[in-house]
N, C-alpha and C. Protein backbone atom coordinates (compact mmCIF):
# COMPACT_ATOMS: atom_id res chain seq x y z
N MET A 1 -7.11 -94.87 -150.72
CA MET A 1 -8.35 -95.72 -150.54
C MET A 1 -9.07 -95.42 -149.17
N GLY A 2 -8.31 -95.47 -148.17
CA GLY A 2 -8.98 -95.26 -146.85
C GLY A 2 -8.21 -94.13 -146.00
N ARG A 3 -9.01 -93.65 -144.96
CA ARG A 3 -8.35 -92.62 -144.15
C ARG A 3 -8.21 -93.42 -142.77
N VAL A 4 -6.90 -93.43 -142.35
CA VAL A 4 -6.58 -94.35 -141.14
C VAL A 4 -6.02 -93.41 -140.06
N LEU A 5 -6.58 -93.63 -138.86
CA LEU A 5 -6.03 -92.87 -137.64
C LEU A 5 -5.10 -93.78 -137.01
N VAL A 6 -3.84 -93.39 -136.88
CA VAL A 6 -2.72 -94.23 -136.19
C VAL A 6 -2.57 -93.69 -134.80
N VAL A 7 -2.80 -94.45 -133.82
CA VAL A 7 -2.67 -94.04 -132.41
C VAL A 7 -1.47 -94.81 -131.95
N GLU A 8 -0.37 -94.20 -131.65
CA GLU A 8 0.90 -94.79 -131.33
C GLU A 8 1.67 -93.75 -130.34
N ARG A 9 2.08 -94.23 -129.30
CA ARG A 9 3.00 -93.32 -128.34
C ARG A 9 4.36 -93.14 -128.94
N GLU A 10 4.84 -94.09 -129.59
CA GLU A 10 6.22 -93.97 -130.14
C GLU A 10 6.26 -93.39 -131.56
N GLY A 11 6.81 -92.18 -131.67
CA GLY A 11 6.80 -91.41 -132.87
C GLY A 11 7.33 -92.22 -134.08
N ASP A 12 8.44 -92.88 -133.82
CA ASP A 12 9.10 -93.67 -134.95
C ASP A 12 8.24 -94.79 -135.40
N VAL A 13 7.62 -95.39 -134.57
CA VAL A 13 6.70 -96.52 -134.83
C VAL A 13 5.47 -95.96 -135.72
N ALA A 14 4.86 -94.83 -135.25
CA ALA A 14 3.68 -94.31 -135.96
C ALA A 14 4.12 -93.78 -137.24
N PHE A 15 5.38 -93.17 -137.44
CA PHE A 15 5.78 -92.84 -138.74
C PHE A 15 6.03 -94.10 -139.63
N GLY A 16 6.59 -95.14 -139.10
CA GLY A 16 6.71 -96.33 -139.98
C GLY A 16 5.29 -96.95 -140.31
N LEU A 17 4.38 -96.97 -139.48
CA LEU A 17 3.16 -97.44 -139.87
C LEU A 17 2.51 -96.58 -140.97
N SER A 18 2.61 -95.37 -140.81
CA SER A 18 2.08 -94.42 -141.77
C SER A 18 2.74 -94.59 -143.16
N LEU A 19 4.14 -94.76 -143.23
CA LEU A 19 4.78 -94.99 -144.48
C LEU A 19 4.15 -96.22 -145.06
N MET A 20 4.04 -97.35 -144.25
CA MET A 20 3.61 -98.69 -144.78
C MET A 20 2.12 -98.45 -145.34
N LEU A 21 1.35 -97.63 -144.67
CA LEU A 21 -0.06 -97.56 -145.18
C LEU A 21 -0.03 -96.58 -146.35
N ALA A 22 0.84 -95.68 -146.60
CA ALA A 22 0.83 -94.82 -147.72
C ALA A 22 1.29 -95.62 -148.94
N VAL A 23 2.08 -96.65 -148.81
CA VAL A 23 2.38 -97.49 -149.97
C VAL A 23 1.13 -98.19 -150.41
N GLY A 24 0.20 -98.45 -149.53
CA GLY A 24 -1.05 -99.17 -149.87
C GLY A 24 -2.09 -98.07 -150.25
N ASN A 25 -1.67 -96.84 -150.51
CA ASN A 25 -2.63 -95.69 -150.93
C ASN A 25 -3.59 -95.37 -149.81
N HIS A 26 -3.26 -95.48 -148.58
CA HIS A 26 -4.06 -94.98 -147.51
C HIS A 26 -3.48 -93.65 -146.85
N GLY A 27 -4.40 -92.72 -146.60
CA GLY A 27 -4.03 -91.58 -145.96
C GLY A 27 -4.08 -91.81 -144.39
N THR A 28 -3.19 -91.16 -143.69
CA THR A 28 -3.06 -91.46 -142.34
C THR A 28 -3.08 -90.07 -141.55
N ARG A 29 -3.45 -90.06 -140.31
CA ARG A 29 -3.27 -89.04 -139.34
C ARG A 29 -2.71 -89.82 -138.05
N ARG A 30 -1.63 -89.16 -137.54
CA ARG A 30 -1.00 -89.91 -136.28
C ARG A 30 -1.30 -88.96 -135.09
N VAL A 31 -1.58 -89.72 -134.09
CA VAL A 31 -1.76 -89.15 -132.68
C VAL A 31 -1.04 -90.09 -131.76
N SER A 32 -0.63 -89.54 -130.58
CA SER A 32 0.06 -90.27 -129.54
C SER A 32 -0.64 -90.71 -128.41
N THR A 33 -1.88 -90.32 -128.33
CA THR A 33 -2.72 -90.81 -127.21
C THR A 33 -4.02 -91.14 -127.53
N GLY A 34 -4.72 -91.99 -126.62
CA GLY A 34 -6.08 -92.34 -126.85
C GLY A 34 -7.00 -91.07 -126.66
N VAL A 35 -6.68 -90.13 -125.86
CA VAL A 35 -7.43 -88.91 -125.63
C VAL A 35 -7.45 -88.06 -126.96
N GLU A 36 -6.25 -87.98 -127.58
CA GLU A 36 -6.30 -87.36 -128.96
C GLU A 36 -7.05 -88.00 -129.92
N ALA A 37 -7.06 -89.30 -129.90
CA ALA A 37 -7.73 -90.12 -130.94
C ALA A 37 -9.29 -89.94 -130.66
N LEU A 38 -9.62 -89.94 -129.51
CA LEU A 38 -11.18 -89.78 -129.13
C LEU A 38 -11.58 -88.40 -129.56
N SER A 39 -10.70 -87.38 -129.41
CA SER A 39 -11.06 -86.09 -129.81
C SER A 39 -11.32 -85.92 -131.18
N LEU A 40 -10.30 -86.48 -132.00
CA LEU A 40 -10.41 -86.38 -133.45
C LEU A 40 -11.64 -87.17 -134.01
N LEU A 41 -11.93 -88.38 -133.44
CA LEU A 41 -12.95 -89.21 -133.89
C LEU A 41 -14.45 -88.56 -133.64
N THR A 42 -14.42 -87.70 -132.53
CA THR A 42 -15.77 -87.18 -132.20
C THR A 42 -15.84 -85.76 -132.83
N SER A 43 -14.81 -85.31 -133.53
CA SER A 43 -15.00 -84.01 -134.30
C SER A 43 -15.54 -84.36 -135.60
N ARG A 44 -15.54 -83.48 -136.50
CA ARG A 44 -16.16 -83.64 -137.82
C ARG A 44 -15.22 -84.44 -138.81
N ARG A 45 -14.09 -84.78 -138.30
CA ARG A 45 -13.17 -85.41 -139.18
C ARG A 45 -13.57 -86.93 -139.34
N HIS A 46 -13.29 -87.41 -140.64
CA HIS A 46 -13.87 -88.71 -140.92
C HIS A 46 -12.56 -89.70 -140.95
N PHE A 47 -12.67 -90.88 -140.31
CA PHE A 47 -11.66 -91.85 -140.47
C PHE A 47 -12.40 -93.18 -140.69
N ASP A 48 -11.76 -94.06 -141.59
CA ASP A 48 -12.26 -95.32 -141.97
C ASP A 48 -11.94 -96.42 -141.00
N LEU A 49 -10.70 -96.25 -140.31
CA LEU A 49 -10.18 -97.32 -139.47
C LEU A 49 -9.17 -96.60 -138.44
N VAL A 50 -9.09 -97.28 -137.36
CA VAL A 50 -8.12 -96.92 -136.30
C VAL A 50 -7.15 -98.07 -136.11
N ILE A 51 -5.79 -97.74 -136.11
CA ILE A 51 -4.80 -98.76 -135.74
C ILE A 51 -4.04 -98.26 -134.62
N THR A 52 -3.87 -99.13 -133.61
CA THR A 52 -3.14 -98.86 -132.44
C THR A 52 -2.29 -99.86 -132.09
N SER A 53 -1.55 -99.76 -131.02
CA SER A 53 -0.72 -100.95 -130.50
C SER A 53 -0.96 -101.03 -129.11
N SER A 54 -0.62 -102.18 -128.55
CA SER A 54 -0.99 -102.43 -127.08
C SER A 54 -0.17 -101.51 -126.25
N ASN A 55 0.87 -100.84 -126.56
CA ASN A 55 1.50 -99.89 -125.64
C ASN A 55 0.59 -98.68 -125.31
N ILE A 56 -0.39 -98.46 -126.07
CA ILE A 56 -1.31 -97.28 -125.75
C ILE A 56 -2.11 -97.60 -124.53
N LEU A 57 -2.21 -98.94 -124.25
CA LEU A 57 -2.93 -99.31 -122.95
C LEU A 57 -2.20 -98.99 -121.69
N GLN A 58 -0.95 -98.72 -121.69
CA GLN A 58 -0.14 -98.47 -120.56
C GLN A 58 -0.57 -97.22 -119.77
N GLY A 59 -0.96 -96.26 -120.45
CA GLY A 59 -1.33 -95.00 -119.65
C GLY A 59 -2.79 -94.82 -119.50
N GLU A 60 -3.61 -95.28 -120.61
CA GLU A 60 -5.00 -94.90 -120.55
C GLU A 60 -5.89 -96.04 -120.36
N GLY A 61 -5.51 -97.26 -120.70
CA GLY A 61 -6.23 -98.46 -120.44
C GLY A 61 -7.32 -98.74 -121.52
N ILE A 62 -8.02 -99.66 -121.29
CA ILE A 62 -8.96 -100.31 -122.21
C ILE A 62 -10.25 -99.40 -122.22
N GLU A 63 -10.40 -98.61 -121.25
CA GLU A 63 -11.56 -97.74 -121.19
C GLU A 63 -11.64 -96.80 -122.46
N LEU A 64 -10.49 -96.24 -122.80
CA LEU A 64 -10.58 -95.36 -123.95
C LEU A 64 -10.90 -96.06 -125.23
N LEU A 65 -10.42 -97.28 -125.41
CA LEU A 65 -10.77 -98.08 -126.52
C LEU A 65 -12.22 -98.39 -126.51
N ARG A 66 -12.79 -98.69 -125.45
CA ARG A 66 -14.25 -98.97 -125.29
C ARG A 66 -15.04 -97.74 -125.69
N GLU A 67 -14.51 -96.54 -125.39
CA GLU A 67 -15.17 -95.19 -125.61
C GLU A 67 -15.12 -94.96 -127.16
N LEU A 68 -13.96 -95.17 -127.73
CA LEU A 68 -13.77 -95.08 -129.15
C LEU A 68 -14.86 -95.96 -129.90
N LYS A 69 -14.97 -97.16 -129.48
CA LYS A 69 -15.90 -98.16 -130.07
C LYS A 69 -17.36 -97.65 -129.76
N LYS A 70 -17.69 -97.19 -128.65
CA LYS A 70 -18.98 -96.65 -128.36
C LYS A 70 -19.40 -95.54 -129.18
N ARG A 71 -18.46 -94.51 -129.22
CA ARG A 71 -18.86 -93.32 -129.99
C ARG A 71 -18.86 -93.54 -131.55
N LYS A 72 -18.05 -94.42 -131.98
CA LYS A 72 -17.84 -94.66 -133.53
C LYS A 72 -17.96 -96.17 -133.77
N PRO A 73 -19.03 -96.87 -133.59
CA PRO A 73 -19.06 -98.22 -133.67
C PRO A 73 -18.85 -98.83 -135.00
N ASN A 74 -19.01 -97.88 -136.04
CA ASN A 74 -18.76 -98.45 -137.37
C ASN A 74 -17.34 -98.33 -137.87
N VAL A 75 -16.52 -97.69 -136.96
CA VAL A 75 -15.08 -97.63 -137.32
C VAL A 75 -14.26 -98.67 -136.70
N PRO A 76 -13.70 -99.51 -137.62
CA PRO A 76 -13.04 -100.77 -137.02
C PRO A 76 -11.72 -100.25 -136.34
N ILE A 77 -11.39 -100.94 -135.26
CA ILE A 77 -10.11 -100.76 -134.49
C ILE A 77 -9.27 -102.11 -134.65
N MET A 78 -7.97 -101.81 -135.16
CA MET A 78 -6.91 -102.94 -135.27
C MET A 78 -5.97 -102.62 -134.29
N MET A 79 -5.41 -103.67 -133.57
CA MET A 79 -4.32 -103.50 -132.61
C MET A 79 -3.14 -104.42 -133.02
N ILE A 80 -2.04 -103.77 -133.12
CA ILE A 80 -0.73 -104.54 -133.37
C ILE A 80 -0.07 -104.76 -132.10
N THR A 81 0.24 -106.07 -131.80
CA THR A 81 0.84 -106.39 -130.60
C THR A 81 1.79 -107.62 -130.66
N SER A 82 2.76 -107.72 -129.81
CA SER A 82 3.57 -108.97 -129.69
C SER A 82 3.15 -109.72 -128.40
N ASP A 83 2.21 -109.17 -127.79
CA ASP A 83 1.70 -109.68 -126.47
C ASP A 83 0.41 -110.65 -126.67
N ASP A 84 0.13 -111.40 -125.71
CA ASP A 84 -1.11 -112.12 -125.74
C ASP A 84 -2.08 -111.11 -125.10
N ILE A 85 -3.21 -111.11 -125.61
CA ILE A 85 -4.32 -110.20 -125.18
C ILE A 85 -5.45 -110.95 -124.67
N SER A 86 -6.25 -110.37 -123.67
CA SER A 86 -7.44 -110.97 -123.30
C SER A 86 -8.59 -111.09 -124.26
N PRO A 87 -9.42 -111.90 -124.09
CA PRO A 87 -10.57 -112.12 -125.11
C PRO A 87 -11.45 -110.83 -124.98
N GLU A 88 -11.53 -110.16 -123.73
CA GLU A 88 -12.25 -108.90 -123.66
C GLU A 88 -11.61 -107.83 -124.48
N LEU A 89 -10.29 -107.64 -124.44
CA LEU A 89 -9.65 -106.69 -125.30
C LEU A 89 -9.81 -107.05 -126.73
N GLU A 90 -9.70 -108.27 -127.09
CA GLU A 90 -9.87 -108.65 -128.52
C GLU A 90 -11.31 -108.31 -129.15
N ASP A 91 -12.31 -108.49 -128.21
CA ASP A 91 -13.66 -108.04 -128.63
C ASP A 91 -13.76 -106.56 -128.80
N THR A 92 -13.03 -105.78 -127.93
CA THR A 92 -13.20 -104.37 -128.06
C THR A 92 -12.40 -103.94 -129.28
N VAL A 93 -11.34 -104.42 -129.63
CA VAL A 93 -10.59 -103.87 -130.80
C VAL A 93 -10.93 -104.52 -132.10
N GLY A 94 -11.45 -105.75 -132.02
CA GLY A 94 -11.87 -106.41 -133.21
C GLY A 94 -10.93 -107.15 -133.89
N VAL A 95 -9.74 -106.43 -134.32
CA VAL A 95 -8.77 -107.24 -135.15
C VAL A 95 -7.46 -106.99 -134.43
N VAL A 96 -6.81 -108.17 -134.36
CA VAL A 96 -5.48 -108.21 -133.69
C VAL A 96 -4.40 -108.75 -134.61
N ILE A 97 -3.34 -107.94 -134.89
CA ILE A 97 -2.29 -108.31 -135.79
C ILE A 97 -1.14 -108.63 -134.90
N GLN A 98 -0.51 -109.79 -134.88
CA GLN A 98 0.70 -110.22 -134.24
C GLN A 98 1.93 -109.59 -134.87
N GLU A 99 2.75 -108.98 -133.97
CA GLU A 99 4.08 -108.57 -134.46
C GLU A 99 5.07 -109.71 -134.33
N PRO A 100 6.08 -109.84 -135.17
CA PRO A 100 6.22 -108.80 -136.33
C PRO A 100 5.32 -109.09 -137.44
N THR A 101 5.01 -107.98 -138.14
CA THR A 101 4.14 -108.11 -139.35
C THR A 101 4.84 -107.45 -140.51
N SER A 102 4.63 -107.89 -141.69
CA SER A 102 5.18 -107.39 -142.82
C SER A 102 4.23 -106.32 -143.36
N MET A 103 4.84 -105.39 -144.29
CA MET A 103 4.03 -104.26 -144.80
C MET A 103 3.03 -104.86 -145.68
N THR A 104 3.21 -105.96 -146.38
CA THR A 104 2.21 -106.67 -147.10
C THR A 104 1.01 -107.02 -146.35
N ASP A 105 1.29 -107.80 -145.28
CA ASP A 105 0.27 -108.21 -144.29
C ASP A 105 -0.48 -107.19 -143.66
N LEU A 106 0.10 -106.00 -143.38
CA LEU A 106 -0.60 -105.01 -142.66
C LEU A 106 -1.51 -104.27 -143.67
N VAL A 107 -1.07 -104.04 -144.94
CA VAL A 107 -1.91 -103.39 -145.88
C VAL A 107 -3.06 -104.32 -146.36
N GLU A 108 -2.78 -105.56 -146.43
CA GLU A 108 -3.83 -106.53 -146.82
C GLU A 108 -4.84 -106.59 -145.64
N SER A 109 -4.51 -106.46 -144.41
CA SER A 109 -5.43 -106.48 -143.30
C SER A 109 -6.24 -105.31 -143.30
N VAL A 110 -5.65 -104.16 -143.55
CA VAL A 110 -6.38 -102.95 -143.72
C VAL A 110 -7.35 -102.93 -144.76
N ASN A 111 -6.86 -103.33 -145.90
CA ASN A 111 -7.81 -103.40 -147.12
C ASN A 111 -9.01 -104.31 -146.82
N PHE A 112 -8.77 -105.42 -146.23
CA PHE A 112 -9.76 -106.33 -145.90
C PHE A 112 -10.91 -105.75 -144.93
N GLN A 113 -10.45 -104.97 -143.90
CA GLN A 113 -11.27 -104.30 -143.01
C GLN A 113 -12.12 -103.23 -143.76
N LEU A 114 -11.42 -102.53 -144.62
CA LEU A 114 -12.15 -101.37 -145.36
C LEU A 114 -13.26 -101.94 -146.23
N LYS A 115 -12.96 -103.03 -146.87
CA LYS A 115 -13.89 -103.70 -147.91
C LYS A 115 -15.09 -104.27 -147.10
N LYS A 116 -14.96 -104.61 -145.87
CA LYS A 116 -16.03 -105.16 -145.00
C LYS A 116 -17.05 -103.98 -144.71
N ARG A 117 -16.59 -102.83 -144.65
CA ARG A 117 -17.50 -101.66 -144.15
C ARG A 117 -18.63 -101.50 -145.20
């Protein structure tokens, strides 16, 4: 259905997210940094959605997420987190999914975002 860019520093988490999305018939590409994500999104590659987690903020900060949104405003960004986030960050990412989440809830959230496009 959709092409999803998974931005996650922890390889096993990125792999798990990709498997869940594959069950929902979504193709994925995994990267481990916001810089890599920005590079892919500004290349000729097409993505329908970006999924990241709050741990991506530890090294690069909200600035990279803002830049992703600025360069590709029509590509929704979803963040998976167990933390409380600021309203400013929520406005930047658009969709926040609280952990723990089930595969069904994740796929349904992705499908909903893709239908809105």
